[in-house]
Amino acid sequence: MAKQGKRYAEVAKLVDRSKQYETAEAISLMKQTAKAKFDETVELHIKLGVDGRHADQQVRGAIVLPHGTGKSKKSSRSC
């Protein structure tokens, strides 16, 4: 097993892996432990308790990103 770095060991001391954090507390802890030299991202998993095979229980949605996707929109029309 590879040895972890100094920064990782420093940050790992702040997190209790056996504890389930409340949302606000988890976000503040995440901001405290952000030590990377690049823009970090967060991945969120939520158990909704729905069965996607049933049409009335499918979860769909869309979000608007604060800076868009970075792509310009083009449209073409022909008669």
C-alpha atoms as a PDB file:
ATOM      1  CA  MET A   1       0.000   0.000   0.000  1.00  0.00           C
ATOM      2  CA  ALA A   2       1.295   3.423  -0.928  1.00  0.00           C
ATOM      3  CA  LYS A   3       2.151   5.951   1.745  1.00  0.00           C
ATOM      4  CA  GLN A   4      -0.151   8.983   1.922  1.00  0.00           C
ATOM      5  CA  GLY A   5       1.235  12.494   1.639  1.00  0.00           C
ATOM      6  CA  LYS A   6       1.720  15.061   4.401  1.00  0.00           C
ATOM      7  CA  ARG A   7      -1.293  17.134   3.370  1.00  0.00           C
ATOM      8  CA  TYR A   8      -3.551  14.082   3.304  1.00  0.00           C
ATOM      9  CA  ALA A   9      -2.433  12.992   6.778  1.00  0.00           C
ATOM     10  CA  GLU A  10      -3.011  16.517   8.100  1.00  0.00           C
ATOM     11  CA  VAL A  11      -6.536  16.680   6.669  1.00  0.00           C
ATOM     12  CA  ALA A  12      -7.411  13.102   7.676  1.00  0.00           C
ATOM     13  CA  LYS A  13      -6.989  14.070  11.336  1.00  0.00           C
ATOM     14  CA  LEU A  14      -9.901  16.525  11.015  1.00  0.00           C
ATOM     15  CA  VAL A  15     -12.417  13.967   9.695  1.00  0.00           C
ATOM     16  CA  ASP A  16     -14.080  11.305  11.859  1.00  0.00           C
ATOM     17  CA  ARG A  17     -14.891   8.485   9.414  1.00  0.00           C
ATOM     18  CA  SER A  18     -17.262   6.740  11.841  1.00  0.00           C
ATOM     19  CA  LYS A  19     -19.497   9.815  12.213  1.00  0.00           C
ATOM     20  CA  GLN A  20     -22.365  10.853   9.948  1.00  0.00           C
ATOM     21  CA  TYR A  21     -22.228  14.626   9.547  1.00  0.00           C
ATOM     22  CA  GLU A  22     -25.191  16.962   9.136  1.00  0.00           C
ATOM     23  CA  THR A  23     -25.284  18.803   5.800  1.00  0.00           C
ATOM     24  CA  ALA A  24     -24.131  22.208   7.077  1.00  0.00           C
ATOM     25  CA  GLU A  25     -21.375  20.651   9.177  1.00  0.00           C
ATOM     26  CA  ALA A  26     -20.210  18.480   6.265  1.00  0.00           C
ATOM     27  CA  ILE A  27     -20.002  21.475   3.931  1.00  0.00           C
ATOM     28  CA  SER A  28     -17.987  23.521   6.412  1.00  0.00           C
ATOM     29  CA  LEU A  29     -15.660  20.545   7.018  1.00  0.00           C
ATOM     30  CA  MET A  30     -15.284  20.100   3.270  1.00  0.00           C
ATOM     31  CA  LYS A  31     -14.264  23.752   2.894  1.00  0.00           C
ATOM     32  CA  GLN A  32     -11.784  23.434   5.760  1.00  0.00           C
ATOM     33  CA  THR A  33     -10.118  20.382   4.262  1.00  0.00           C
ATOM     34  CA  ALA A  34      -9.856  21.756   0.695  1.00  0.00           C
ATOM     35  CA  LYS A  35      -6.088  21.868   0.220  1.00  0.00           C
ATOM     36  CA  ALA A  36      -5.611  20.976  -3.457  1.00  0.00           C
ATOM     37  CA  LYS A  37      -3.857  23.240  -5.919  1.00  0.00           C
ATOM     38  CA  PHE A  38      -6.757  23.027  -8.399  1.00  0.00           C
ATOM     39  CA  ASP A  39     -10.532  23.555  -8.408  1.00  0.00           C
ATOM     40  CA  GLU A  40     -12.026  20.704  -6.408  1.00  0.00           C
ATOM     41  CA  THR A  41     -15.426  19.109  -6.991  1.00  0.00           C
ATOM     42  CA  VAL A  42     -17.919  17.358  -4.737  1.00  0.00           C
ATOM     43  CA  GLU A  43     -19.849  14.198  -5.534  1.00  0.00           C
ATOM     44  CA  LEU A  44     -23.166  13.675  -3.767  1.00  0.00           C
ATOM     45  CA  HIS A  45     -25.092  10.407  -3.445  1.00  0.00           C
ATOM     46  CA  ILE A  46     -28.679  10.440  -2.203  1.00  0.00           C
ATOM     47  CA  LYS A  47     -30.836   7.390  -1.563  1.00  0.00           C
ATOM     48  CA  LEU A  48     -34.335   8.376  -2.656  1.00  0.00           C
ATOM     49  CA  GLY A  49     -36.065   5.046  -2.095  1.00  0.00           C
ATOM     50  CA  VAL A  50     -37.794   5.009  -5.485  1.00  0.00           C
ATOM     51  CA  ASP A  51     -37.925   2.305  -8.144  1.00  0.00           C
ATOM     52  CA  GLY A  52     -36.882   3.765 -11.520  1.00  0.00           C
ATOM     53  CA  ARG A  53     -38.594   0.953 -13.398  1.00  0.00           C
ATOM     54  CA  HIS A  54     -41.988   2.479 -12.589  1.00  0.00           C
ATOM     55  CA  ALA A  55     -42.965   5.467 -14.719  1.00  0.00           C
ATOM     56  CA  ASP A  56     -44.515   7.381 -11.832  1.00  0.00           C
ATOM     57  CA  GLN A  57     -41.335   7.049  -9.724  1.00  0.00           C
ATOM     58  CA  GLN A  58     -38.711   8.211 -12.218  1.00  0.00           C
ATOM     59  CA  VAL A  59     -36.601  11.127 -11.065  1.00  0.00           C
ATOM     60  CA  ARG A  60     -35.563  13.603 -13.720  1.00  0.00           C
ATOM     61  CA  GLY A  61     -34.408  17.153 -13.529  1.00  0.00           C
ATOM     62  CA  ALA A  62     -32.257  19.845 -14.997  1.00  0.00           C
ATOM     63  CA  ILE A  63     -30.036  22.475 -13.469  1.00  0.00           C
ATOM     64  CA  VAL A  64     -28.586  25.692 -14.764  1.00  0.00           C
ATOM     65  CA  LEU A  65     -24.861  25.957 -14.198  1.00  0.00           C
ATOM     66  CA  PRO A  66     -23.634  29.347 -12.947  1.00  0.00           C
ATOM     67  CA  HIS A  67     -21.245  29.809 -15.874  1.00  0.00           C
ATOM     68  CA  GLY A  68     -23.040  27.631 -18.429  1.00  0.00           C
ATOM     69  CA  THR A  69     -21.384  24.701 -20.147  1.00  0.00           C
ATOM     70  CA  GLY A  70     -18.894  26.888 -21.999  1.00  0.00           C
ATOM     71  CA  LYS A  71     -20.323  25.946 -25.372  1.00  0.00           C
ATOM     72  CA  SER A  72     -22.016  28.381 -27.706  1.00  0.00           C
ATOM     73  CA  LYS A  73     -25.404  27.383 -29.070  1.00  0.00           C
ATOM     74  CA  LYS A  74     -25.874  27.057 -32.809  1.00  0.00           C
ATOM     75  CA  SER A  75     -29.083  26.444 -34.684  1.00  0.00           C
ATOM     76  CA  SER A  76     -29.786  25.625 -38.276  1.00  0.00           C
ATOM     77  CA  ARG A  77     -33.009  25.936 -40.194  1.00  0.00           C
ATOM     78  CA  SER A  78     -33.935  24.828 -43.659  1.00  0.00           C
ATOM     79  CA  CYS A  79     -37.222  25.047 -45.537  1.00  0.00           C
END
